[in-house]
Amino acid sequence: MAGKKQNNGSKTVVKNILSAGTNYADRFIPDYKELKRVVEDLKRMGYRIVLTQGVYDLIHEGHALYLEQALEHGDILIVGVDTDELTRARKGPGRPIVPQDERLRMLSHLRHVHILTLKHLKDGLAKLIEVVRPDVFITSESTSDFGKKEILKYKSICGKIVTLPPQATTSTTGRVRFLTIQGADKLAQEVMRGIPKLISDALDKLKG
């Protein structure tokens, strides 16, 4: 009885995933066991599954174009989003700029994204790929996570592995660097404006 209930629940989720609405509660599937059930249902229905993964911090046009191209390789696009913890481990203590809940919700509004899940630091690179076993796994030239060795390793559990070039001249890292430089320049200007007054105050004290 419990198994039948789970299966019916999975079918309801699939129906909502295939509908036109955002349906965030159904599209975001953090539990990998449930995700596996949903993917198996979709495969039985004849859908070609595409998987990609990343941080998606400060979402920009390049992200949207990348996801659009990813979906061209199949029917259903699953996006694994790095948790805040995993992002800090990969990008440094100052990242992400946007917390994971907001990144997930932003992605759910992109029409090319069908299913969202989280990637955790403890799971390593392979866990999500092993759960989904996609027909097509999409990687980006802008990430160093998947070199030739990794591609050969995961080829046996993916029907096909496709590497896409960056889809925009900008990147989140570039934008963060630019904002940091801007902030440093502004601070330097404030300091320079304040130096004459500091010198004048010091001289007044000496005269006094």
C-alpha atoms as a PDB file:
ATOM      1  CA  MET A   1       0.000   0.000   0.000  1.00  0.00           C
ATOM      2  CA  ALA A   2       2.802   2.429   0.925  1.00  0.00           C
ATOM      3  CA  GLY A   3       4.614   1.711  -2.345  1.00  0.00           C
ATOM      4  CA  LYS A   4       1.436   2.353  -4.325  1.00  0.00           C
ATOM      5  CA  LYS A   5       0.935   5.664  -2.555  1.00  0.00           C
ATOM      6  CA  GLN A   6       4.512   6.734  -3.325  1.00  0.00           C
ATOM      7  CA  ASN A   7       4.067   5.804  -6.993  1.00  0.00           C
ATOM      8  CA  ASN A   8       0.831   7.794  -7.260  1.00  0.00           C
ATOM      9  CA  GLY A   9       2.584  10.735  -5.638  1.00  0.00           C
ATOM     10  CA  SER A  10       5.402  10.463  -8.150  1.00  0.00           C
ATOM     11  CA  LYS A  11       2.912  10.458 -11.042  1.00  0.00           C
ATOM     12  CA  THR A  12       1.271  13.610  -9.669  1.00  0.00           C
ATOM     13  CA  VAL A  13       4.681  15.299  -9.487  1.00  0.00           C
ATOM     14  CA  VAL A  14       5.440  14.257 -13.083  1.00  0.00           C
ATOM     15  CA  LYS A  15       2.108  15.701 -14.240  1.00  0.00           C
ATOM     16  CA  ASN A  16       2.888  19.026 -12.564  1.00  0.00           C
ATOM     17  CA  ILE A  17       6.424  19.054 -13.943  1.00  0.00           C
ATOM     18  CA  LEU A  18       5.074  18.667 -17.470  1.00  0.00           C
ATOM     19  CA  SER A  19       2.467  21.416 -16.994  1.00  0.00           C
ATOM     20  CA  ALA A  20       3.009  25.066 -17.924  1.00  0.00           C
ATOM     21  CA  GLY A  21       2.967  26.421 -14.349  1.00  0.00           C
ATOM     22  CA  THR A  22       6.038  27.090 -12.215  1.00  0.00           C
ATOM     23  CA  ASN A  23       4.918  24.482  -9.640  1.00  0.00           C
ATOM     24  CA  TYR A  24       8.038  25.022  -7.554  1.00  0.00           C
ATOM     25  CA  ALA A  25       6.930  22.570  -4.847  1.00  0.00           C
ATOM     26  CA  ASP A  26       6.963  19.760  -7.429  1.00  0.00           C
ATOM     27  CA  ARG A  27       9.850  20.915  -9.601  1.00  0.00           C
ATOM     28  CA  PHE A  28      12.259  21.224  -6.661  1.00  0.00           C
ATOM     29  CA  ILE A  29      13.063  17.661  -5.553  1.00  0.00           C
ATOM     30  CA  PRO A  30      15.779  17.662  -2.848  1.00  0.00           C
ATOM     31  CA  ASP A  31      15.319  13.991  -1.905  1.00  0.00           C
ATOM     32  CA  TYR A  32      17.400  11.823  -4.252  1.00  0.00           C
ATOM     33  CA  LYS A  33      15.186   8.734  -3.779  1.00  0.00           C
ATOM     34  CA  GLU A  34      12.132  10.696  -4.889  1.00  0.00           C
ATOM     35  CA  LEU A  35      14.146  12.239  -7.717  1.00  0.00           C
ATOM     36  CA  LYS A  36      15.118   8.775  -8.931  1.00  0.00           C
ATOM     37  CA  ARG A  37      11.460   7.652  -8.921  1.00  0.00           C
ATOM     38  CA  VAL A  38      10.383  10.720 -10.892  1.00  0.00           C
ATOM     39  CA  VAL A  39      13.187  10.281 -13.437  1.00  0.00           C
ATOM     40  CA  GLU A  40      12.313   6.610 -13.924  1.00  0.00           C
ATOM     41  CA  ASP A  41       8.663   7.553 -14.547  1.00  0.00           C
ATOM     42  CA  LEU A  42       9.725  10.155 -17.116  1.00  0.00           C
ATOM     43  CA  LYS A  43      12.015   7.672 -18.871  1.00  0.00           C
ATOM     44  CA  ARG A  44       9.216   5.096 -19.033  1.00  0.00           C
ATOM     45  CA  MET A  45       7.079   7.764 -20.700  1.00  0.00           C
ATOM     46  CA  GLY A  46       9.747   8.119 -23.376  1.00  0.00           C
ATOM     47  CA  TYR A  47      11.291  11.430 -22.313  1.00  0.00           C
ATOM     48  CA  ARG A  48      14.990  12.026 -22.963  1.00  0.00           C
ATOM     49  CA  ILE A  49      16.616  13.270 -19.738  1.00  0.00           C
ATOM     50  CA  VAL A  50      19.281  15.975 -19.700  1.00  0.00           C
ATOM     51  CA  LEU A  51      21.299  16.792 -16.569  1.00  0.00           C
ATOM     52  CA  THR A  52      23.542  19.739 -15.825  1.00  0.00           C
ATOM     53  CA  GLN A  53      24.836  21.296 -12.600  1.00  0.00           C
ATOM     54  CA  GLY A  54      26.440  24.443 -11.221  1.00  0.00           C
ATOM     55  CA  VAL A  55      26.226  27.349  -8.784  1.00  0.00           C
ATOM     56  CA  TYR A  56      24.043  29.799 -10.751  1.00  0.00           C
ATOM     57  CA  ASP A  57      25.015  32.728  -8.550  1.00  0.00           C
ATOM     58  CA  LEU A  58      23.901  36.212  -9.715  1.00  0.00           C
ATOM     59  CA  ILE A  59      21.969  34.665 -12.619  1.00  0.00           C
ATOM     60  CA  HIS A  60      22.701  36.400 -15.935  1.00  0.00           C
ATOM     61  CA  GLU A  61      22.032  35.982 -19.657  1.00  0.00           C
ATOM     62  CA  GLY A  62      24.853  33.460 -20.043  1.00  0.00           C
ATOM     63  CA  HIS A  63      23.146  31.103 -17.589  1.00  0.00           C
ATOM     64  CA  ALA A  64      19.826  31.329 -19.444  1.00  0.00           C
ATOM     65  CA  LEU A  65      21.431  30.717 -22.856  1.00  0.00           C
ATOM     66  CA  TYR A  66      23.438  27.794 -21.472  1.00  0.00           C
ATOM     67  CA  LEU A  67      20.312  26.143 -20.064  1.00  0.00           C
ATOM     68  CA  GLU A  68      18.432  26.764 -23.301  1.00  0.00           C
ATOM     69  CA  GLN A  69      21.183  25.016 -25.276  1.00  0.00           C
ATOM     70  CA  ALA A  70      21.309  22.188 -22.739  1.00  0.00           C
ATOM     71  CA  LEU A  71      17.602  21.443 -23.225  1.00  0.00           C
ATOM     72  CA  GLU A  72      18.107  21.206 -26.987  1.00  0.00           C
ATOM     73  CA  HIS A  73      19.810  17.849 -26.315  1.00  0.00           C
ATOM     74  CA  GLY A  74      16.688  16.265 -24.805  1.00  0.00           C
ATOM     75  CA  ASP A  75      13.160  16.731 -23.475  1.00  0.00           C
ATOM     76  CA  ILE A  76      13.495  17.216 -19.704  1.00  0.00           C
ATOM     77  CA  LEU A  77      16.233  19.353 -18.142  1.00  0.00           C
ATOM     78  CA  ILE A  78      17.323  18.621 -14.567  1.00  0.00           C
ATOM     79  CA  VAL A  79      19.567  21.197 -12.898  1.00  0.00           C
ATOM     80  CA  GLY A  80      21.671  20.308  -9.865  1.00  0.00           C
ATOM     81  CA  VAL A  81      22.357  23.504  -7.879  1.00  0.00           C
ATOM     82  CA  ASP A  82      25.384  23.663  -5.577  1.00  0.00           C
ATOM     83  CA  THR A  83      24.447  24.251  -1.934  1.00  0.00           C
ATOM     84  CA  ASP A  84      25.894  27.278  -0.148  1.00  0.00           C
ATOM     85  CA  GLU A  85      28.351  24.969   1.620  1.00  0.00           C
ATOM     86  CA  LEU A  86      29.548  23.388  -1.635  1.00  0.00           C
ATOM     87  CA  THR A  87      29.811  26.809  -3.295  1.00  0.00           C
ATOM     88  CA  ARG A  88      32.041  28.121  -0.495  1.00  0.00           C
ATOM     89  CA  ALA A  89      34.265  25.060  -0.859  1.00  0.00           C
ATOM     90  CA  ARG A  90      34.551  25.569  -4.629  1.00  0.00           C
ATOM     91  CA  LYS A  91      34.550  29.373  -4.946  1.00  0.00           C
ATOM     92  CA  GLY A  92      35.825  30.677  -1.618  1.00  0.00           C
ATOM     93  CA  PRO A  93      34.347  32.108   1.618  1.00  0.00           C
ATOM     94  CA  GLY A  94      32.814  35.137  -0.108  1.00  0.00           C
ATOM     95  CA  ARG A  95      30.497  33.051  -2.263  1.00  0.00           C
ATOM     96  CA  PRO A  96      27.704  32.569  -3.027  1.00  0.00           C
ATOM     97  CA  ILE A  97      26.400  36.110  -3.228  1.00  0.00           C
ATOM     98  CA  VAL A  98      22.838  34.804  -3.528  1.00  0.00           C
ATOM     99  CA  PRO A  99      21.739  32.073  -1.043  1.00  0.00           C
ATOM    100  CA  GLN A 100      20.671  28.677  -2.386  1.00  0.00           C
ATOM    101  CA  ASP A 101      16.923  29.076  -1.776  1.00  0.00           C
ATOM    102  CA  GLU A 102      16.796  32.234  -3.878  1.00  0.00           C
ATOM    103  CA  ARG A 103      19.005  30.704  -6.611  1.00  0.00           C
ATOM    104  CA  LEU A 104      16.648  27.733  -6.828  1.00  0.00           C
ATOM    105  CA  ARG A 105      13.557  29.917  -7.066  1.00  0.00           C
ATOM    106  CA  MET A 106      15.112  32.134  -9.734  1.00  0.00           C
ATOM    107  CA  LEU A 107      15.955  29.087 -11.846  1.00  0.00           C
ATOM    108  CA  SER A 108      12.429  27.725 -11.453  1.00  0.00           C
ATOM    109  CA  HIS A 109      11.143  30.716 -13.431  1.00  0.00           C
ATOM    110  CA  LEU A 110      13.285  29.868 -16.470  1.00  0.00           C
ATOM    111  CA  ARG A 111      11.107  28.021 -18.969  1.00  0.00           C
ATOM    112  CA  HIS A 112      13.884  25.619 -20.005  1.00  0.00           C
ATOM    113  CA  VAL A 113      14.303  24.191 -16.490  1.00  0.00           C
ATOM    114  CA  HIS A 114      11.984  21.326 -15.544  1.00  0.00           C
ATOM    115  CA  ILE A 115      13.438  19.875 -12.327  1.00  0.00           C
ATOM    116  CA  LEU A 116      15.722  21.346  -9.672  1.00  0.00           C
ATOM    117  CA  THR A 117      17.670  19.597  -6.950  1.00  0.00           C
ATOM    118  CA  LEU A 118      20.620  20.360  -4.670  1.00  0.00           C
ATOM    119  CA  LYS A 119      24.198  19.144  -4.848  1.00  0.00           C
ATOM    120  CA  HIS A 120      25.846  18.663  -1.448  1.00  0.00           C
ATOM    121  CA  LEU A 121      29.520  18.837  -0.521  1.00  0.00           C
ATOM    122  CA  LYS A 122      29.396  15.420   1.169  1.00  0.00           C
ATOM    123  CA  ASP A 123      28.142  13.709  -2.002  1.00  0.00           C
ATOM    124  CA  GLY A 124      31.079  14.559  -4.250  1.00  0.00           C
ATOM    125  CA  LEU A 125      30.829  14.960  -8.027  1.00  0.00           C
ATOM    126  CA  ALA A 126      29.335  11.597  -8.920  1.00  0.00           C
ATOM    127  CA  LYS A 127      26.300  11.175  -6.642  1.00  0.00           C
ATOM    128  CA  LEU A 128      23.732  13.164  -8.629  1.00  0.00           C
ATOM    129  CA  ILE A 129      24.925  11.712 -11.937  1.00  0.00           C
ATOM    130  CA  GLU A 130      24.564   8.186 -10.554  1.00  0.00           C
ATOM    131  CA  VAL A 131      21.039   8.929  -9.283  1.00  0.00           C
ATOM    132  CA  VAL A 132      19.750  10.468 -12.524  1.00  0.00           C
ATOM    133  CA  ARG A 133      21.778   8.445 -15.071  1.00  0.00           C
ATOM    134  CA  PRO A 134      20.878  10.998 -17.738  1.00  0.00           C
ATOM    135  CA  ASP A 135      20.589  10.354 -21.444  1.00  0.00           C
ATOM    136  CA  VAL A 136      22.743  13.456 -21.855  1.00  0.00           C
ATOM    137  CA  PHE A 137      25.025  15.073 -19.283  1.00  0.00           C
ATOM    138  CA  ILE A 138      25.941  18.702 -20.048  1.00  0.00           C
ATOM    139  CA  THR A 139      29.173  20.278 -18.834  1.00  0.00           C
ATOM    140  CA  SER A 140      30.676  23.713 -19.474  1.00  0.00           C
ATOM    141  CA  GLU A 141      34.115  24.682 -20.732  1.00  0.00           C
ATOM    142  CA  SER A 142      34.176  27.331 -17.982  1.00  0.00           C
ATOM    143  CA  THR A 143      34.371  24.751 -15.179  1.00  0.00           C
ATOM    144  CA  SER A 144      37.359  22.566 -14.334  1.00  0.00           C
ATOM    145  CA  ASP A 145      35.292  19.881 -12.562  1.00  0.00           C
ATOM    146  CA  PHE A 146      35.121  17.613 -15.590  1.00  0.00           C
ATOM    147  CA  GLY A 147      38.318  16.932 -17.482  1.00  0.00           C
ATOM    148  CA  LYS A 148      38.999  14.042 -19.851  1.00  0.00           C
ATOM    149  CA  LYS A 149      39.463  11.552 -16.978  1.00  0.00           C
ATOM    150  CA  GLU A 150      36.116  12.446 -15.395  1.00  0.00           C
ATOM    151  CA  ILE A 151      34.322  12.285 -18.747  1.00  0.00           C
ATOM    152  CA  LEU A 152      35.662   8.781 -19.373  1.00  0.00           C
ATOM    153  CA  LYS A 153      34.698   7.746 -15.835  1.00  0.00           C
ATOM    154  CA  TYR A 154      31.068   8.888 -16.100  1.00  0.00           C
ATOM    155  CA  LYS A 155      30.497   7.963 -19.731  1.00  0.00           C
ATOM    156  CA  SER A 156      29.310   4.496 -18.673  1.00  0.00           C
ATOM    157  CA  ILE A 157      26.372   5.942 -16.669  1.00  0.00           C
ATOM    158  CA  CYS A 158      25.470   8.725 -19.120  1.00  0.00           C
ATOM    159  CA  GLY A 159      24.168   8.085 -22.601  1.00  0.00           C
ATOM    160  CA  LYS A 160      26.183  11.029 -23.886  1.00  0.00           C
ATOM    161  CA  ILE A 161      28.371  13.808 -22.462  1.00  0.00           C
ATOM    162  CA  VAL A 162      28.303  17.229 -24.137  1.00  0.00           C
ATOM    163  CA  THR A 163      30.564  20.165 -23.252  1.00  0.00           C
ATOM    164  CA  LEU A 164      29.184  23.600 -24.099  1.00  0.00           C
ATOM    165  CA  PRO A 165      31.236  26.784 -24.509  1.00  0.00           C
ATOM    166  CA  PRO A 166      30.463  29.843 -22.331  1.00  0.00           C
ATOM    167  CA  GLN A 167      27.316  31.565 -23.607  1.00  0.00           C
ATOM    168  CA  ALA A 168      28.152  35.144 -22.610  1.00  0.00           C
ATOM    169  CA  THR A 169      31.151  37.459 -22.395  1.00  0.00           C
ATOM    170  CA  THR A 170      30.480  37.972 -18.685  1.00  0.00           C
ATOM    171  CA  SER A 171      30.587  35.523 -15.770  1.00  0.00           C
ATOM    172  CA  THR A 172      29.491  35.629 -12.154  1.00  0.00           C
ATOM    173  CA  THR A 173      33.117  35.537 -11.005  1.00  0.00           C
ATOM    174  CA  GLY A 174      33.914  38.439 -13.333  1.00  0.00           C
ATOM    175  CA  ARG A 175      31.008  40.461 -12.005  1.00  0.00           C
ATOM    176  CA  VAL A 176      31.977  39.804  -8.388  1.00  0.00           C
ATOM    177  CA  ARG A 177      35.564  40.849  -9.175  1.00  0.00           C
ATOM    178  CA  PHE A 178      34.316  44.048 -10.841  1.00  0.00           C
ATOM    179  CA  LEU A 179      32.103  44.921  -7.862  1.00  0.00           C
ATOM    180  CA  THR A 180      34.997  44.228  -5.497  1.00  0.00           C
ATOM    181  CA  ILE A 181      37.314  46.503  -7.491  1.00  0.00           C
ATOM    182  CA  GLN A 182      34.629  49.195  -7.590  1.00  0.00           C
ATOM    183  CA  GLY A 183      34.221  48.935  -3.823  1.00  0.00           C
ATOM    184  CA  ALA A 184      37.988  49.143  -3.278  1.00  0.00           C
ATOM    185  CA  ASP A 185      38.242  52.202  -5.561  1.00  0.00           C
ATOM    186  CA  LYS A 186      35.442  53.942  -3.685  1.00  0.00           C
ATOM    187  CA  LEU A 187      37.099  53.201  -0.348  1.00  0.00           C
ATOM    188  CA  ALA A 188      40.434  54.517  -1.655  1.00  0.00           C
ATOM    189  CA  GLN A 189      38.752  57.731  -2.832  1.00  0.00           C
ATOM    190  CA  GLU A 190      37.152  58.232   0.576  1.00  0.00           C
ATOM    191  CA  VAL A 191      40.493  57.657   2.292  1.00  0.00           C
ATOM    192  CA  MET A 192      42.274  60.113  -0.033  1.00  0.00           C
ATOM    193  CA  ARG A 193      39.615  62.750   0.618  1.00  0.00           C
ATOM    194  CA  GLY A 194      40.058  62.283   4.338  1.00  0.00           C
ATOM    195  CA  ILE A 195      43.871  62.477   4.413  1.00  0.00           C
ATOM    196  CA  PRO A 196      44.175  66.315   4.081  1.00  0.00           C
ATOM    197  CA  LYS A 197      41.828  66.784   7.053  1.00  0.00           C
ATOM    198  CA  LEU A 198      43.792  64.274   9.131  1.00  0.00           C
ATOM    199  CA  ILE A 199      47.032  66.129   8.352  1.00  0.00           C
ATOM    200  CA  SER A 200      45.433  69.482   9.127  1.00  0.00           C
ATOM    201  CA  ASP A 201      44.071  68.204  12.464  1.00  0.00           C
ATOM    202  CA  ALA A 202      47.479  66.764  13.361  1.00  0.00           C
ATOM    203  CA  LEU A 203      49.226  70.058  12.582  1.00  0.00           C
ATOM    204  CA  ASP A 204      46.698  71.998  14.657  1.00  0.00           C
ATOM    205  CA  LYS A 205      47.389  69.694  17.611  1.00  0.00           C
ATOM    206  CA  LEU A 206      51.142  70.219  17.234  1.00  0.00           C
ATOM    207  CA  LYS A 207      50.688  74.001  17.111  1.00  0.00           C
ATOM    208  CA  GLY A 208      48.454  73.849  20.179  1.00  0.00           C
END
